[in-house]
Amino acid sequence: MYLLYLIFTVFTISTTHGYVLPFAEFYSSPRIVGGEDAPDGAIPYQASLRSVYNSHFCGGSIISERYILTAAHCTIGKTPQTMTVVVGTNSLLAGGYHYPIEKIIVHEQYDGNLIKNDVSLIKLSNEIEFNSHVQPIQLPEKDTEAGAELLLSGWGRLSYPGVLPVQLQMINLLALGVGECQNIYQLINPVYDTQICSLTKRGEGACHGDSGGPLVEDHKVVGIVSWGMPCARGYPDVYTRVFAFKNWIEENMSEAAPGGEEQLIIVNN
């Protein structure tokens, strides 16, 4: 187990936070990982965070006309000029609507070493035009309990290492109790009550590229893809618990940007 922790430490130093744990076995599953192609228009709240070269690197959730909910590790170090948001398409290669970014708000207590408070908001420069393929998703009204049925979607890799899928993937998962999740990861990385874990079976789960994307329960976004043991290796996936940060999200969405200027709010770790 010490060797596993050592590998994790070295790997973390050389890799962007979020899905940073070691992985030794490959899966040839044709899905994310173990999922299926999402039907056209089935996940209208899904967003793709892209580089200036239109390369997908993280997911997100549309939660209002101007705001995208995502993970802090997806936006830390980024500026509004270095990324864009695409909505309204299941394909990474075609369609969708591109929106420029006004500001990025990273949780002020985000800790990239412990992968804690991994939540971020992206404010768009223009209002999103909603239609049948582009819709916001509501924040949760109650906390998520162990055993809850969950829906994960994203363009994460189909295996590790592997390639990103062209089509958006989706998979049904089950919530795992935080205590059990903490016991599994106790010698690897802390798991907090402000996080949700999911685990169904080996060969099903999230992977690189899913980070920041939505975990949904009863048509509410309850989780943000944060980290795990890549990928679908039989370990739980860990998500930021949206319910725990609901007040933070709402407060930051309600604050008006001073002077209408672009603003990047980050934290010095």
Protein backbone atom coordinates (compact mmCIF):
# COMPACT_ATOMS: atom_id res chain seq x y z
CA MET A 1 0.00 0.00 0.00
CA TYR A 2 2.96 2.33 0.67
CA LEU A 3 4.14 1.72 -2.88
CA LEU A 4 0.66 2.63 -4.17
CA TYR A 5 0.78 5.87 -2.19
CA LEU A 6 4.27 6.65 -3.52
CA ILE A 7 3.12 6.10 -7.09
CA PHE A 8 0.12 8.33 -6.40
CA THR A 9 2.39 11.10 -5.07
CA VAL A 10 4.71 11.04 -8.07
CA PHE A 11 1.80 10.83 -10.49
CA THR A 12 0.07 13.79 -8.81
CA ILE A 13 3.12 16.01 -9.19
CA SER A 14 3.26 15.39 -12.92
CA THR A 15 -0.46 15.46 -13.74
CA THR A 16 -3.29 17.97 -13.58
CA HIS A 17 -5.40 17.43 -10.44
CA GLY A 18 -8.61 15.46 -10.92
CA TYR A 19 -8.49 11.79 -11.79
CA VAL A 20 -4.89 11.65 -10.73
CA LEU A 21 -4.64 8.26 -9.04
CA PRO A 22 -2.64 5.40 -10.60
CA PHE A 23 -4.15 2.86 -12.93
CA ALA A 24 -2.54 -0.40 -13.97
CA GLU A 25 -5.14 -2.22 -16.04
CA PHE A 26 -6.68 -1.28 -19.36
CA TYR A 27 -10.29 -1.70 -20.38
CA SER A 28 -11.51 -2.12 -23.94
CA SER A 29 -15.09 -1.22 -23.14
CA PRO A 30 -16.57 0.79 -26.02
CA ARG A 31 -18.21 3.28 -23.61
CA ILE A 32 -17.46 5.93 -20.81
CA VAL A 33 -16.42 3.61 -19.11
CA GLY A 34 -19.15 0.97 -19.50
CA GLY A 35 -21.83 3.47 -20.54
CA GLU A 36 -23.62 4.19 -23.80
CA ASP A 37 -24.18 6.96 -26.33
CA ALA A 38 -26.56 9.59 -24.95
CA PRO A 39 -29.68 10.04 -27.13
CA ASP A 40 -29.87 13.31 -29.00
CA GLY A 41 -31.13 16.04 -26.66
CA ALA A 42 -31.28 13.73 -23.62
CA ILE A 43 -28.69 15.71 -21.61
CA PRO A 44 -29.54 19.33 -22.53
CA TYR A 45 -27.68 20.73 -19.49
CA GLN A 46 -24.32 19.23 -20.52
CA ALA A 47 -21.54 21.67 -21.34
CA SER A 48 -18.11 21.11 -22.84
CA LEU A 49 -15.19 23.27 -21.73
CA ARG A 50 -12.85 23.83 -24.65
CA SER A 51 -9.43 25.35 -25.19
CA VAL A 52 -8.90 28.17 -27.68
CA TYR A 53 -8.11 25.39 -30.17
CA ASN A 54 -11.59 23.88 -29.59
CA SER A 55 -10.15 20.91 -27.70
CA HIS A 56 -12.42 19.46 -24.98
CA PHE A 57 -10.76 19.19 -21.56
CA CYS A 58 -13.62 19.16 -19.00
CA GLY A 59 -17.38 18.99 -18.63
CA GLY A 60 -19.83 21.31 -16.94
CA SER A 61 -23.52 21.88 -16.18
CA ILE A 62 -25.74 24.71 -17.36
CA ILE A 63 -27.43 26.05 -14.21
CA SER A 64 -28.72 29.40 -15.51
CA GLU A 65 -28.66 31.67 -18.56
CA ARG A 66 -25.20 32.93 -17.66
CA TYR A 67 -23.58 30.32 -15.40
CA ILE A 68 -21.85 26.97 -15.87
CA LEU A 69 -21.07 24.78 -12.85
CA THR A 70 -17.83 22.81 -13.02
CA ALA A 71 -14.83 21.64 -10.96
CA ALA A 72 -12.21 24.01 -9.62
CA HIS A 73 -9.40 21.83 -10.97
CA CYS A 74 -10.83 22.41 -14.45
CA THR A 75 -10.53 26.19 -14.24
CA ILE A 76 -7.65 26.89 -11.85
CA GLY A 77 -4.92 28.69 -13.79
CA LYS A 78 -7.27 29.42 -16.69
CA THR A 79 -8.45 32.85 -17.81
CA PRO A 80 -11.58 33.81 -19.77
CA GLN A 81 -9.37 34.34 -22.81
CA THR A 82 -7.94 30.81 -22.79
CA MET A 83 -11.17 28.82 -22.92
CA THR A 84 -14.72 28.74 -24.20
CA VAL A 85 -17.95 26.88 -23.41
CA VAL A 86 -19.90 24.80 -25.91
CA VAL A 87 -23.49 23.63 -25.32
CA GLY A 88 -26.29 22.04 -27.34
CA THR A 89 -24.46 19.15 -28.98
CA ASN A 90 -23.64 15.52 -28.20
CA SER A 91 -20.68 15.63 -30.59
CA LEU A 92 -17.21 16.96 -29.91
CA LEU A 93 -16.70 17.46 -33.64
CA ALA A 94 -19.85 19.19 -34.84
CA GLY A 95 -22.76 21.43 -33.87
CA GLY A 96 -23.40 23.27 -30.66
CA TYR A 97 -23.24 26.88 -29.57
CA HIS A 98 -20.00 28.53 -28.47
CA TYR A 99 -20.04 31.10 -25.67
CA PRO A 100 -17.20 33.37 -24.57
CA ILE A 101 -16.47 33.73 -20.87
CA GLU A 102 -16.72 36.85 -18.74
CA LYS A 103 -15.22 35.54 -15.51
CA ILE A 104 -14.19 32.44 -13.63
CA ILE A 105 -14.96 31.99 -9.93
CA VAL A 106 -12.97 29.31 -8.10
CA HIS A 107 -13.93 28.35 -4.56
CA GLU A 108 -11.72 30.38 -2.23
CA GLN A 109 -10.87 27.29 -0.15
CA TYR A 110 -10.09 24.99 -3.04
CA ASP A 111 -7.17 22.72 -2.16
CA GLY A 112 -5.58 21.09 -5.17
CA ASN A 113 -3.39 18.81 -3.07
CA LEU A 114 -6.26 17.24 -1.14
CA ILE A 115 -8.72 17.82 -4.01
CA LYS A 116 -11.10 19.52 -1.59
CA ASN A 117 -13.78 22.19 -2.28
CA ASP A 118 -13.43 21.30 -5.94
CA VAL A 119 -16.13 23.61 -7.31
CA SER A 120 -16.06 26.51 -9.74
CA LEU A 121 -18.48 28.79 -11.59
CA ILE A 122 -18.06 30.14 -15.09
CA LYS A 123 -19.97 33.30 -15.97
CA LEU A 124 -20.61 33.64 -19.68
CA SER A 125 -20.33 36.93 -21.55
CA ASN A 126 -23.74 36.41 -23.18
CA GLU A 127 -26.95 34.76 -22.09
CA ILE A 128 -27.51 31.21 -23.28
CA GLU A 129 -30.43 30.82 -25.67
CA PHE A 130 -32.46 27.87 -24.45
CA ASN A 131 -34.13 25.38 -26.79
CA SER A 132 -34.97 21.67 -26.85
CA HIS A 133 -31.25 20.79 -26.82
CA VAL A 134 -30.08 23.47 -24.38
CA GLN A 135 -31.66 23.68 -20.94
CA PRO A 136 -30.49 24.46 -17.40
CA ILE A 137 -30.58 21.90 -14.63
CA GLN A 138 -31.73 22.70 -11.11
CA LEU A 139 -29.61 22.54 -7.99
CA PRO A 140 -30.63 19.88 -5.44
CA GLU A 141 -33.30 20.55 -2.82
CA LYS A 142 -32.09 17.70 -0.58
CA ASP A 143 -28.91 15.81 0.13
CA THR A 144 -27.97 12.62 -1.69
CA GLU A 145 -28.02 9.44 0.37
CA ALA A 146 -26.20 6.15 -0.02
CA GLY A 147 -27.91 3.90 -2.55
CA ALA A 148 -29.33 6.77 -4.59
CA GLU A 149 -29.68 6.17 -8.32
CA LEU A 150 -27.45 8.53 -10.26
CA LEU A 151 -26.83 9.51 -13.88
CA LEU A 152 -23.36 10.49 -15.08
CA SER A 153 -22.64 12.00 -18.48
CA GLY A 154 -19.50 13.21 -20.22
CA TRP A 155 -16.92 12.86 -22.95
CA GLY A 156 -14.34 11.13 -20.74
CA ARG A 157 -11.98 8.54 -22.11
CA LEU A 158 -13.46 5.16 -22.97
CA SER A 159 -10.51 3.39 -21.31
CA TYR A 160 -7.27 4.43 -19.64
CA PRO A 161 -5.13 5.27 -21.41
CA GLY A 162 -7.41 5.76 -24.37
CA VAL A 163 -9.16 8.29 -26.54
CA LEU A 164 -12.05 10.65 -25.96
CA PRO A 165 -15.34 9.57 -27.56
CA VAL A 166 -16.89 11.71 -30.26
CA GLN A 167 -20.39 11.19 -28.88
CA LEU A 168 -21.51 12.12 -25.38
CA GLN A 169 -21.69 9.12 -23.07
CA MET A 170 -24.06 8.39 -20.17
CA ILE A 171 -24.22 5.74 -17.48
CA ASN A 172 -26.42 4.86 -14.49
CA LEU A 173 -24.58 4.58 -11.18
CA LEU A 174 -25.31 4.11 -7.46
CA ALA A 175 -24.22 6.36 -4.60
CA LEU A 176 -21.84 4.84 -2.08
CA GLY A 177 -21.89 5.84 1.58
CA VAL A 178 -19.21 8.40 2.47
CA GLY A 179 -17.98 6.28 5.39
CA GLU A 180 -17.41 3.24 3.20
CA CYS A 181 -15.74 5.43 0.57
CA GLN A 182 -13.45 6.93 3.22
CA ASN A 183 -12.42 3.46 4.35
CA ILE A 184 -11.50 2.44 0.81
CA TYR A 185 -9.39 5.53 0.15
CA GLN A 186 -8.03 6.11 3.67
CA LEU A 187 -4.39 5.37 2.70
CA ILE A 188 -4.61 7.10 -0.68
CA ASN A 189 -6.49 10.40 -0.45
CA PRO A 190 -9.02 11.88 2.01
CA VAL A 191 -12.74 11.71 1.26
CA TYR A 192 -14.92 14.37 2.88
CA ASP A 193 -18.58 14.70 3.80
CA THR A 194 -18.73 17.43 1.15
CA GLN A 195 -18.21 14.77 -1.48
CA ILE A 196 -20.31 12.02 -3.05
CA CYS A 197 -18.94 8.63 -4.07
CA SER A 198 -20.37 6.27 -6.65
CA LEU A 199 -19.59 2.66 -7.36
CA THR A 200 -21.54 0.04 -9.26
CA LYS A 201 -19.08 -2.54 -10.53
CA ARG A 202 -15.65 -2.89 -12.06
CA GLY A 203 -15.62 -1.63 -15.65
CA GLU A 204 -18.17 1.17 -15.07
CA GLY A 205 -17.35 4.74 -14.07
CA ALA A 206 -15.78 8.06 -14.93
CA CYS A 207 -12.44 8.77 -16.58
CA HIS A 208 -10.22 11.63 -17.78
CA GLY A 209 -12.28 14.23 -19.64
CA ASP A 210 -15.37 13.68 -17.47
CA SER A 211 -13.98 16.05 -14.81
CA GLY A 212 -16.30 18.94 -13.97
CA GLY A 213 -19.29 17.20 -15.50
CA PRO A 214 -22.72 16.56 -14.00
CA LEU A 215 -23.79 13.77 -11.69
CA VAL A 216 -27.58 13.85 -11.58
CA GLU A 217 -30.23 12.50 -9.20
CA ASP A 218 -33.93 12.97 -9.90
CA HIS A 219 -33.28 15.63 -12.56
CA LYS A 220 -31.07 17.70 -10.21
CA VAL A 221 -27.31 18.14 -10.46
CA VAL A 222 -26.01 16.69 -7.20
CA GLY A 223 -22.36 16.07 -8.04
CA ILE A 224 -19.40 17.44 -9.97
CA VAL A 225 -16.88 14.90 -11.27
CA SER A 226 -13.75 15.45 -9.17
CA TRP A 227 -11.32 12.53 -8.81
CA GLY A 228 -10.90 8.79 -8.58
CA MET A 229 -8.77 5.77 -9.43
CA PRO A 230 -8.63 5.85 -13.22
CA CYS A 231 -10.60 4.36 -14.65
CA ALA A 232 -13.50 2.03 -13.69
CA ARG A 233 -11.03 -0.16 -11.85
CA GLY A 234 -13.47 -1.10 -9.14
CA TYR A 235 -12.73 1.87 -6.88
CA PRO A 236 -15.31 4.58 -6.16
CA ASP A 237 -15.45 7.75 -8.21
CA VAL A 238 -15.51 10.91 -6.09
CA TYR A 239 -17.63 13.98 -6.83
CA THR A 240 -18.04 17.38 -5.23
CA ARG A 241 -21.36 17.31 -3.34
CA VAL A 242 -23.37 20.18 -4.85
CA PHE A 243 -25.78 20.32 -1.92
CA ALA A 244 -22.88 21.16 0.39
CA PHE A 245 -21.96 24.15 -1.79
CA LYS A 246 -25.45 25.30 -2.75
CA ASN A 247 -25.24 28.51 -0.70
CA TRP A 248 -21.81 29.32 -2.15
CA ILE A 249 -23.10 28.75 -5.68
CA GLU A 250 -26.21 30.88 -5.22
CA GLU A 251 -24.35 33.69 -3.47
CA ASN A 252 -21.74 33.95 -6.20
CA MET A 253 -24.35 33.82 -8.94
CA SER A 254 -26.23 36.70 -7.32
CA GLU A 255 -23.22 38.99 -6.97
CA ALA A 256 -22.99 41.58 -9.74
CA ALA A 257 -19.63 41.97 -11.42
CA PRO A 258 -18.20 45.39 -10.50
CA GLY A 259 -18.03 47.87 -13.35
CA GLY A 260 -18.95 45.23 -15.89
CA GLU A 261 -15.28 44.27 -16.12
CA GLU A 262 -13.99 40.78 -16.68
CA GLN A 263 -12.89 39.29 -13.39
CA LEU A 264 -10.94 36.16 -12.51
CA ILE A 265 -11.33 35.07 -8.90
CA ILE A 266 -8.89 32.37 -7.83
CA VAL A 267 -7.17 31.28 -4.66
CA ASN A 268 -3.48 31.00 -3.96
CA ASN A 269 -2.98 27.47 -2.63
